Amino acid sequence: MKPIALITGASAGIGADLARVFAAHGHELVLVARRVDRLNALADEIAKSGKPRPVVLASDLEKRDAVAALAAELSSRGLEPQFVVNNAGFGLSGAAAALSRDEQLGMIDLNVRALTELSLAFVDSLARHRGGILNLASIAAFLPGPGMAVYYASKAYVLSFTEALHRELSDRGIRVTALCPGPVPTEFQTRSGLELPSAASIIELPPARVAAIGYDALMRGERVVIAGTGNKLAVAVMRFVPNALLLRLVDTRTGGAR
């Protein structure tokens, strides 16, 4: 079985740049997302750089049988993950009671359930190849988020789960890292309907920089990495601010930041 790096949500943004970073470091890739045209364009780009062309697999990870189907497809091709990168996810902006319940449950299916299943599905192959798991959390994981309640809660789960898994899998030689970016100029804002305040540009990082930070942290075996000095300071300050005040500051319905 050939070892590969499996990257979800690779059709754009941080996921696409993570694919570029892994490829640049010599990993063979399997790229997963719904938009197969975007994946093929990225695979062609990577192949033109002289690296092996990634395998492209179209999959809607919100579906309950998606991970099982993905595992079966990899096995049929003689591939097994050395690294799993759980980047797929989305957010929705607005009051939880006003947003579509089905869409919010779909967010949980993707951000939480699929990430959990993918993190656990390939543990044996990750151990065989001394590889690891990189889970995309967010600085949103460190506080409640009125106006994006389900999204913030999903990222809090990702952070907690990843930290625990880091401990549990360390004895098997598996690295597990939570990557926590702040604002990143990607399609996330369009999909979520979120409008960031101008002040957010102070801590904004380009997706390529976030991807590089995440890759380096995973290879070093770090448990959690907060991308960017400004975001690290923001998270440090949060620890000293009462939640009642944070709730008012963060509330996206009244102009709070992501």
C-alpha atoms as a PDB file:
ATOM      1  CA  MET A   1       0.000   0.000   0.000  1.00  0.00           C
ATOM      2  CA  LYS A   2       1.418   3.365  -1.047  1.00  0.00           C
ATOM      3  CA  PRO A   3       1.426   6.073   1.668  1.00  0.00           C
ATOM      4  CA  ILE A   4      -0.341   9.317   0.758  1.00  0.00           C
ATOM      5  CA  ALA A   5      -1.461  12.570   2.339  1.00  0.00           C
ATOM      6  CA  LEU A   6      -5.259  12.815   2.278  1.00  0.00           C
ATOM      7  CA  ILE A   7      -6.449  16.431   2.177  1.00  0.00           C
ATOM      8  CA  THR A   8     -10.128  17.356   2.402  1.00  0.00           C
ATOM      9  CA  GLY A   9     -11.607  20.651   1.303  1.00  0.00           C
ATOM     10  CA  ALA A  10      -8.715  20.984  -1.128  1.00  0.00           C
ATOM     11  CA  SER A  11     -10.598  22.838  -3.857  1.00  0.00           C
ATOM     12  CA  ALA A  12      -9.806  26.350  -2.570  1.00  0.00           C
ATOM     13  CA  GLY A  13      -8.371  28.481   0.214  1.00  0.00           C
ATOM     14  CA  ILE A  14      -6.279  26.947   2.976  1.00  0.00           C
ATOM     15  CA  GLY A  15      -6.953  23.428   1.701  1.00  0.00           C
ATOM     16  CA  ALA A  16      -5.508  24.161  -1.739  1.00  0.00           C
ATOM     17  CA  ASP A  17      -2.434  25.761  -0.193  1.00  0.00           C
ATOM     18  CA  LEU A  18      -1.982  22.822   2.169  1.00  0.00           C
ATOM     19  CA  ALA A  19      -1.944  20.586  -0.915  1.00  0.00           C
ATOM     20  CA  ARG A  20       0.759  22.767  -2.452  1.00  0.00           C
ATOM     21  CA  VAL A  21       2.841  22.654   0.736  1.00  0.00           C
ATOM     22  CA  PHE A  22       2.585  18.885   1.141  1.00  0.00           C
ATOM     23  CA  ALA A  23       3.425  18.371  -2.530  1.00  0.00           C
ATOM     24  CA  ALA A  24       6.424  20.697  -2.284  1.00  0.00           C
ATOM     25  CA  HIS A  25       7.752  18.527   0.559  1.00  0.00           C
ATOM     26  CA  GLY A  26       7.523  15.372  -1.514  1.00  0.00           C
ATOM     27  CA  HIS A  27       4.254  13.847  -0.341  1.00  0.00           C
ATOM     28  CA  GLU A  28       1.983  12.120  -2.823  1.00  0.00           C
ATOM     29  CA  LEU A  29      -1.548  13.410  -2.431  1.00  0.00           C
ATOM     30  CA  VAL A  30      -5.191  12.459  -2.572  1.00  0.00           C
ATOM     31  CA  LEU A  31      -7.366  15.564  -2.874  1.00  0.00           C
ATOM     32  CA  VAL A  32     -10.988  15.436  -1.727  1.00  0.00           C
ATOM     33  CA  ALA A  33     -13.806  17.951  -2.218  1.00  0.00           C
ATOM     34  CA  ARG A  34     -17.134  18.272  -4.027  1.00  0.00           C
ATOM     35  CA  ARG A  35     -15.869  20.519  -6.850  1.00  0.00           C
ATOM     36  CA  VAL A  36     -13.920  18.080  -8.970  1.00  0.00           C
ATOM     37  CA  ASP A  37     -13.118  20.720 -11.616  1.00  0.00           C
ATOM     38  CA  ARG A  38     -11.255  22.776  -9.017  1.00  0.00           C
ATOM     39  CA  LEU A  39      -9.436  19.681  -7.765  1.00  0.00           C
ATOM     40  CA  ASN A  40      -8.348  18.722 -11.270  1.00  0.00           C
ATOM     41  CA  ALA A  41      -7.036  22.241 -11.910  1.00  0.00           C
ATOM     42  CA  LEU A  42      -4.989  22.054  -8.700  1.00  0.00           C
ATOM     43  CA  ALA A  43      -3.747  18.562  -9.533  1.00  0.00           C
ATOM     44  CA  ASP A  44      -2.626  19.781 -12.969  1.00  0.00           C
ATOM     45  CA  GLU A  45      -0.848  22.729 -11.370  1.00  0.00           C
ATOM     46  CA  ILE A  46       1.038  20.434  -8.983  1.00  0.00           C
ATOM     47  CA  ALA A  47       1.933  18.023 -11.800  1.00  0.00           C
ATOM     48  CA  LYS A  48       3.321  20.913 -13.898  1.00  0.00           C
ATOM     49  CA  SER A  49       5.663  21.766 -11.027  1.00  0.00           C
ATOM     50  CA  GLY A  50       7.327  18.384 -11.495  1.00  0.00           C
ATOM     51  CA  LYS A  51       5.592  16.590  -8.616  1.00  0.00           C
ATOM     52  CA  PRO A  52       3.427  13.465  -8.981  1.00  0.00           C
ATOM     53  CA  ARG A  53      -0.105  14.348 -10.029  1.00  0.00           C
ATOM     54  CA  PRO A  54      -2.453  14.013  -7.040  1.00  0.00           C
ATOM     55  CA  VAL A  55      -5.338  11.584  -7.113  1.00  0.00           C
ATOM     56  CA  VAL A  56      -8.627  13.483  -7.276  1.00  0.00           C
ATOM     57  CA  LEU A  57     -11.709  12.135  -5.508  1.00  0.00           C
ATOM     58  CA  ALA A  58     -15.037  13.945  -5.550  1.00  0.00           C
ATOM     59  CA  SER A  59     -16.919  13.446  -2.278  1.00  0.00           C
ATOM     60  CA  ASP A  60     -19.602  15.174  -0.230  1.00  0.00           C
ATOM     61  CA  LEU A  61     -18.379  14.534   3.305  1.00  0.00           C
ATOM     62  CA  GLU A  62     -21.687  15.664   4.804  1.00  0.00           C
ATOM     63  CA  LYS A  63     -23.130  12.308   3.717  1.00  0.00           C
ATOM     64  CA  ARG A  64     -23.061   9.565   6.334  1.00  0.00           C
ATOM     65  CA  ASP A  65     -21.453   6.954   4.077  1.00  0.00           C
ATOM     66  CA  ALA A  66     -18.828   9.278   2.561  1.00  0.00           C
ATOM     67  CA  VAL A  67     -15.862   8.241   4.696  1.00  0.00           C
ATOM     68  CA  ALA A  68     -16.526   4.521   4.246  1.00  0.00           C
ATOM     69  CA  ALA A  69     -16.757   5.034   0.485  1.00  0.00           C
ATOM     70  CA  LEU A  70     -13.549   7.074   0.533  1.00  0.00           C
ATOM     71  CA  ALA A  71     -11.689   4.369   2.486  1.00  0.00           C
ATOM     72  CA  ALA A  72     -12.887   1.696   0.056  1.00  0.00           C
ATOM     73  CA  GLU A  73     -11.762   3.773  -2.940  1.00  0.00           C
ATOM     74  CA  LEU A  74      -8.298   4.305  -1.463  1.00  0.00           C
ATOM     75  CA  SER A  75      -7.937   0.603  -0.721  1.00  0.00           C
ATOM     76  CA  SER A  76      -8.985  -0.338  -4.270  1.00  0.00           C
ATOM     77  CA  ARG A  77      -6.195   1.903  -5.592  1.00  0.00           C
ATOM     78  CA  GLY A  78      -3.566   0.447  -3.249  1.00  0.00           C
ATOM     79  CA  LEU A  79      -3.311   3.680  -1.240  1.00  0.00           C
ATOM     80  CA  GLU A  80      -3.374   4.335   2.485  1.00  0.00           C
ATOM     81  CA  PRO A  81      -2.994   7.592   4.449  1.00  0.00           C
ATOM     82  CA  GLN A  82       0.246   8.563   6.101  1.00  0.00           C
ATOM     83  CA  PHE A  83      -1.275  11.950   6.836  1.00  0.00           C
ATOM     84  CA  VAL A  84      -4.898  13.033   7.138  1.00  0.00           C
ATOM     85  CA  VAL A  85      -5.644  16.741   6.778  1.00  0.00           C
ATOM     86  CA  ASN A  86      -9.174  17.634   7.874  1.00  0.00           C
ATOM     87  CA  ASN A  87      -9.638  21.026   6.282  1.00  0.00           C
ATOM     88  CA  ALA A  88     -13.209  20.691   4.938  1.00  0.00           C
ATOM     89  CA  GLY A  89     -15.724  22.819   6.808  1.00  0.00           C
ATOM     90  CA  PHE A  90     -17.951  25.865   6.607  1.00  0.00           C
ATOM     91  CA  GLY A  91     -19.684  28.455   8.764  1.00  0.00           C
ATOM     92  CA  LEU A  92     -22.986  30.309   8.736  1.00  0.00           C
ATOM     93  CA  SER A  93     -23.503  33.829  10.018  1.00  0.00           C
ATOM     94  CA  GLY A  94     -26.706  34.781  11.824  1.00  0.00           C
ATOM     95  CA  ALA A  95     -28.750  33.932  14.903  1.00  0.00           C
ATOM     96  CA  ALA A  96     -28.956  30.154  15.372  1.00  0.00           C
ATOM     97  CA  ALA A  97     -32.729  30.244  15.832  1.00  0.00           C
ATOM     98  CA  ALA A  98     -33.163  32.144  12.554  1.00  0.00           C
ATOM     99  CA  LEU A  99     -30.806  30.134  10.347  1.00  0.00           C
ATOM    100  CA  SER A 100     -31.819  26.955   8.555  1.00  0.00           C
ATOM    101  CA  ARG A 101     -31.781  24.075  11.013  1.00  0.00           C
ATOM    102  CA  ASP A 102     -30.897  21.609   8.254  1.00  0.00           C
ATOM    103  CA  GLU A 103     -27.925  23.720   7.131  1.00  0.00           C
ATOM    104  CA  GLN A 104     -26.642  24.011  10.688  1.00  0.00           C
ATOM    105  CA  LEU A 105     -26.955  20.256  11.204  1.00  0.00           C
ATOM    106  CA  GLY A 106     -25.102  19.816   7.915  1.00  0.00           C
ATOM    107  CA  MET A 107     -22.360  22.044   9.329  1.00  0.00           C
ATOM    108  CA  ILE A 108     -22.073  19.740  12.329  1.00  0.00           C
ATOM    109  CA  ASP A 109     -21.962  16.715  10.010  1.00  0.00           C
ATOM    110  CA  LEU A 110     -19.020  18.208   8.104  1.00  0.00           C
ATOM    111  CA  ASN A 111     -17.136  20.181  10.751  1.00  0.00           C
ATOM    112  CA  VAL A 112     -17.528  17.611  13.537  1.00  0.00           C
ATOM    113  CA  ARG A 113     -18.779  14.171  12.500  1.00  0.00           C
ATOM    114  CA  ALA A 114     -16.788  13.767   9.251  1.00  0.00           C
ATOM    115  CA  LEU A 115     -13.647  15.190  10.858  1.00  0.00           C
ATOM    116  CA  THR A 116     -14.000  12.754  13.745  1.00  0.00           C
ATOM    117  CA  GLU A 117     -14.579   9.782  11.463  1.00  0.00           C
ATOM    118  CA  LEU A 118     -11.629  10.659   9.216  1.00  0.00           C
ATOM    119  CA  SER A 119      -9.385  11.162  12.252  1.00  0.00           C
ATOM    120  CA  LEU A 120     -10.176   7.652  13.501  1.00  0.00           C
ATOM    121  CA  ALA A 121     -10.633   5.701  10.263  1.00  0.00           C
ATOM    122  CA  PHE A 122      -6.955   5.355   9.332  1.00  0.00           C
ATOM    123  CA  VAL A 123      -5.157   5.118  12.671  1.00  0.00           C
ATOM    124  CA  ASP A 124      -3.461   1.823  11.790  1.00  0.00           C
ATOM    125  CA  SER A 125      -1.964   3.148   8.554  1.00  0.00           C
ATOM    126  CA  LEU A 126      -0.956   6.411  10.233  1.00  0.00           C
ATOM    127  CA  ALA A 127       0.910   4.380  12.851  1.00  0.00           C
ATOM    128  CA  ARG A 128       2.578   2.157  10.221  1.00  0.00           C
ATOM    129  CA  HIS A 129       3.953   5.199   8.419  1.00  0.00           C
ATOM    130  CA  ARG A 130       4.691   7.306  11.528  1.00  0.00           C
ATOM    131  CA  GLY A 131       2.420   9.996  10.131  1.00  0.00           C
ATOM    132  CA  GLY A 132      -0.184  12.298  11.579  1.00  0.00           C
ATOM    133  CA  ILE A 133      -3.425  14.245  11.550  1.00  0.00           C
ATOM    134  CA  LEU A 134      -3.839  17.973  10.978  1.00  0.00           C
ATOM    135  CA  ASN A 135      -7.261  19.291  11.999  1.00  0.00           C
ATOM    136  CA  LEU A 136      -8.394  22.791  11.062  1.00  0.00           C
ATOM    137  CA  ALA A 137      -9.777  24.540  14.109  1.00  0.00           C
ATOM    138  CA  SER A 138      -9.823  28.335  14.510  1.00  0.00           C
ATOM    139  CA  ILE A 139      -9.247  31.024  17.100  1.00  0.00           C
ATOM    140  CA  ALA A 140     -13.066  30.797  17.268  1.00  0.00           C
ATOM    141  CA  ALA A 141     -12.465  27.595  19.247  1.00  0.00           C
ATOM    142  CA  PHE A 142     -11.352  29.606  22.268  1.00  0.00           C
ATOM    143  CA  LEU A 143     -14.606  31.508  22.891  1.00  0.00           C
ATOM    144  CA  PRO A 144     -18.388  31.388  22.350  1.00  0.00           C
ATOM    145  CA  GLY A 145     -19.677  33.036  19.182  1.00  0.00           C
ATOM    146  CA  PRO A 146     -23.122  34.616  19.198  1.00  0.00           C
ATOM    147  CA  GLY A 147     -24.072  35.264  15.588  1.00  0.00           C
ATOM    148  CA  MET A 148     -22.164  32.125  14.536  1.00  0.00           C
ATOM    149  CA  ALA A 149     -23.045  29.911  17.494  1.00  0.00           C
ATOM    150  CA  VAL A 150     -22.894  26.496  15.821  1.00  0.00           C
ATOM    151  CA  TYR A 151     -19.706  27.279  13.891  1.00  0.00           C
ATOM    152  CA  TYR A 152     -17.829  28.459  16.987  1.00  0.00           C
ATOM    153  CA  ALA A 153     -19.071  25.448  18.937  1.00  0.00           C
ATOM    154  CA  SER A 154     -17.937  23.100  16.169  1.00  0.00           C
ATOM    155  CA  LYS A 155     -14.438  24.556  16.290  1.00  0.00           C
ATOM    156  CA  ALA A 156     -14.345  24.251  20.080  1.00  0.00           C
ATOM    157  CA  TYR A 157     -15.078  20.549  19.571  1.00  0.00           C
ATOM    158  CA  VAL A 158     -12.303  20.247  16.976  1.00  0.00           C
ATOM    159  CA  LEU A 159      -9.788  21.813  19.345  1.00  0.00           C
ATOM    160  CA  SER A 160     -10.782  19.690  22.349  1.00  0.00           C
ATOM    161  CA  PHE A 161     -10.957  16.458  20.351  1.00  0.00           C
ATOM    162  CA  THR A 162      -7.624  17.088  18.644  1.00  0.00           C
ATOM    163  CA  GLU A 163      -5.806  17.845  21.874  1.00  0.00           C
ATOM    164  CA  ALA A 164      -7.134  14.656  23.454  1.00  0.00           C
ATOM    165  CA  LEU A 165      -6.237  12.611  20.370  1.00  0.00           C
ATOM    166  CA  HIS A 166      -2.741  14.099  20.411  1.00  0.00           C
ATOM    167  CA  ARG A 167      -2.290  12.524  23.846  1.00  0.00           C
ATOM    168  CA  GLU A 168      -3.980   9.224  23.043  1.00  0.00           C
ATOM    169  CA  LEU A 169      -2.088   8.516  19.808  1.00  0.00           C
ATOM    170  CA  SER A 170       1.361   9.724  20.854  1.00  0.00           C
ATOM    171  CA  ASP A 171       2.368   6.251  22.038  1.00  0.00           C
ATOM    172  CA  ARG A 172       1.734   4.939  18.525  1.00  0.00           C
ATOM    173  CA  GLY A 173       4.029   7.530  16.970  1.00  0.00           C
ATOM    174  CA  ILE A 174       1.174   9.521  15.418  1.00  0.00           C
ATOM    175  CA  ARG A 175       1.365  13.311  15.427  1.00  0.00           C
ATOM    176  CA  VAL A 176      -1.931  15.155  15.914  1.00  0.00           C
ATOM    177  CA  THR A 177      -2.115  18.936  15.547  1.00  0.00           C
ATOM    178  CA  ALA A 178      -4.883  21.525  15.712  1.00  0.00           C
ATOM    179  CA  LEU A 179      -4.284  24.506  13.426  1.00  0.00           C
ATOM    180  CA  CYS A 180      -6.044  27.655  14.642  1.00  0.00           C
ATOM    181  CA  PRO A 181      -6.057  30.517  12.142  1.00  0.00           C
ATOM    182  CA  GLY A 182      -7.848  33.816  12.567  1.00  0.00           C
ATOM    183  CA  PRO A 183      -9.311  35.775   9.634  1.00  0.00           C
ATOM    184  CA  VAL A 184      -8.104  34.456   6.280  1.00  0.00           C
ATOM    185  CA  PRO A 185      -9.165  35.953   2.910  1.00  0.00           C
ATOM    186  CA  THR A 186     -10.829  32.883   1.371  1.00  0.00           C
ATOM    187  CA  GLU A 187     -14.254  31.793   0.155  1.00  0.00           C
ATOM    188  CA  PHE A 188     -15.196  31.136   3.790  1.00  0.00           C
ATOM    189  CA  GLN A 189     -16.556  34.651   4.232  1.00  0.00           C
ATOM    190  CA  THR A 190     -18.729  34.396   1.109  1.00  0.00           C
ATOM    191  CA  ARG A 191     -20.099  30.993   2.090  1.00  0.00           C
ATOM    192  CA  SER A 192     -20.814  32.054   5.673  1.00  0.00           C
ATOM    193  CA  GLY A 193     -22.295  35.468   4.855  1.00  0.00           C
ATOM    194  CA  LEU A 194     -19.855  37.032   7.312  1.00  0.00           C
ATOM    195  CA  GLU A 195     -18.606  40.588   6.875  1.00  0.00           C
ATOM    196  CA  LEU A 196     -15.435  41.174   8.848  1.00  0.00           C
ATOM    197  CA  PRO A 197     -14.780  44.580  10.405  1.00  0.00           C
ATOM    198  CA  SER A 198     -11.867  46.541   8.971  1.00  0.00           C
ATOM    199  CA  ALA A 199      -9.942  46.029  12.224  1.00  0.00           C
ATOM    200  CA  ALA A 200      -9.729  42.305  11.439  1.00  0.00           C
ATOM    201  CA  SER A 201      -7.114  43.057   8.785  1.00  0.00           C
ATOM    202  CA  ILE A 202      -4.583  43.559  11.597  1.00  0.00           C
ATOM    203  CA  ILE A 203      -4.541  39.832  12.352  1.00  0.00           C
ATOM    204  CA  GLU A 204      -5.420  38.555   8.861  1.00  0.00           C
ATOM    205  CA  LEU A 205      -3.010  36.095   7.232  1.00  0.00           C
ATOM    206  CA  PRO A 206      -2.936  34.804   3.635  1.00  0.00           C
ATOM    207  CA  PRO A 207      -3.931  31.139   3.231  1.00  0.00           C
ATOM    208  CA  ALA A 208      -0.490  30.141   1.960  1.00  0.00           C
ATOM    209  CA  ARG A 209       1.091  31.397   5.183  1.00  0.00           C
ATOM    210  CA  VAL A 210      -1.471  29.565   7.323  1.00  0.00           C
ATOM    211  CA  ALA A 211      -0.831  26.359   5.385  1.00  0.00           C
ATOM    212  CA  ALA A 212       2.929  26.627   5.874  1.00  0.00           C
ATOM    213  CA  ILE A 213       2.495  27.227   9.612  1.00  0.00           C
ATOM    214  CA  GLY A 214       0.193  24.217   9.893  1.00  0.00           C
ATOM    215  CA  TYR A 215       2.509  21.899   7.975  1.00  0.00           C
ATOM    216  CA  ASP A 216       5.562  22.877  10.003  1.00  0.00           C
ATOM    217  CA  ALA A 217       3.684  22.465  13.303  1.00  0.00           C
ATOM    218  CA  LEU A 218       2.451  18.996  12.313  1.00  0.00           C
ATOM    219  CA  MET A 219       5.927  17.849  11.343  1.00  0.00           C
ATOM    220  CA  ARG A 220       7.253  19.083  14.693  1.00  0.00           C
ATOM    221  CA  GLY A 221       4.497  17.209  16.503  1.00  0.00           C
ATOM    222  CA  GLU A 222       2.934  20.287  18.102  1.00  0.00           C
ATOM    223  CA  ARG A 223      -0.433  19.819  19.813  1.00  0.00           C
ATOM    224  CA  VAL A 224      -1.893  23.240  18.937  1.00  0.00           C
ATOM    225  CA  VAL A 225      -0.601  26.026  16.715  1.00  0.00           C
ATOM    226  CA  ILE A 226      -2.196  29.471  16.541  1.00  0.00           C
ATOM    227  CA  ALA A 227      -1.323  31.041  13.200  1.00  0.00           C
ATOM    228  CA  GLY A 228       0.185  34.509  13.474  1.00  0.00           C
ATOM    229  CA  THR A 229       1.531  36.663  16.272  1.00  0.00           C
ATOM    230  CA  GLY A 230      -1.570  38.869  16.320  1.00  0.00           C
ATOM    231  CA  ASN A 231      -3.835  35.865  16.763  1.00  0.00           C
ATOM    232  CA  LYS A 232      -1.626  34.465  19.528  1.00  0.00           C
ATOM    233  CA  LEU A 233      -1.905  37.767  21.380  1.00  0.00           C
ATOM    234  CA  ALA A 234      -5.672  37.862  20.835  1.00  0.00           C
ATOM    235  CA  VAL A 235      -6.098  34.374  22.292  1.00  0.00           C
ATOM    236  CA  ALA A 236      -3.851  35.228  25.238  1.00  0.00           C
ATOM    237  CA  VAL A 237      -5.940  38.314  26.014  1.00  0.00           C
ATOM    238  CA  MET A 238      -9.180  36.302  25.782  1.00  0.00           C
ATOM    239  CA  ARG A 239      -8.129  34.248  28.789  1.00  0.00           C
ATOM    240  CA  PHE A 240      -8.375  37.342  30.994  1.00  0.00           C
ATOM    241  CA  VAL A 241     -11.637  38.746  29.619  1.00  0.00           C
ATOM    242  CA  PRO A 242     -14.916  37.638  31.279  1.00  0.00           C
ATOM    243  CA  ASN A 243     -17.181  35.637  28.970  1.00  0.00           C
ATOM    244  CA  ALA A 244     -20.008  38.130  29.478  1.00  0.00           C
ATOM    245  CA  LEU A 245     -17.834  40.806  27.854  1.00  0.00           C
ATOM    246  CA  LEU A 246     -16.500  38.458  25.163  1.00  0.00           C
ATOM    247  CA  LEU A 247     -20.061  37.611  24.148  1.00  0.00           C
ATOM    248  CA  ARG A 248     -20.767  41.277  23.436  1.00  0.00           C
ATOM    249  CA  LEU A 249     -17.466  41.868  21.655  1.00  0.00           C
ATOM    250  CA  VAL A 250     -17.721  38.813  19.417  1.00  0.00           C
ATOM    251  CA  ASP A 251     -21.424  39.055  18.528  1.00  0.00           C
ATOM    252  CA  THR A 252     -21.355  39.227  14.696  1.00  0.00           C
ATOM    253  CA  ARG A 253     -24.912  40.582  14.670  1.00  0.00           C
ATOM    254  CA  THR A 254     -23.607  43.788  16.252  1.00  0.00           C
ATOM    255  CA  GLY A 255     -20.334  44.105  14.342  1.00  0.00           C
ATOM    256  CA  GLY A 256     -18.110  41.809  16.399  1.00  0.00           C
ATOM    257  CA  ALA A 257     -15.095  40.082  14.833  1.00  0.00           C
ATOM    258  CA  ARG A 258     -14.839  36.454  13.735  1.00  0.00           C
END
